[in-house]
Amino acid sequence: MKTFLIYTGLALISFITNALIYNISFNQQATPLLSEEQRLDSALLMLSTTLPAYFFSAVVMSLMFYWVARRFRK
């Protein structure tokens, strides 16, 4: 159970880091060029597509890390 919590924590840290990186880059690149309505539309699109993709990526990376750590532990 302890190992499961550690890998869940790693997945959450990876997810949060990816989301923050995307959000910071989005704000720096797109904000000056978009109107307020366009920014809201982009934010809704980001929430509905990009964040779930980052979460999936974080879970996959954690599973890969677990597999590699388990394989080379022996």
Foldseek 3Di string as FASTA:
>chain_A
DVVVVVLVVQLVVQLVVVVVVVVVVCCVPPVVPDDPVVVVVVVVVCVVPVSVVSSVVSNVVSVVVVVVCVVVVD
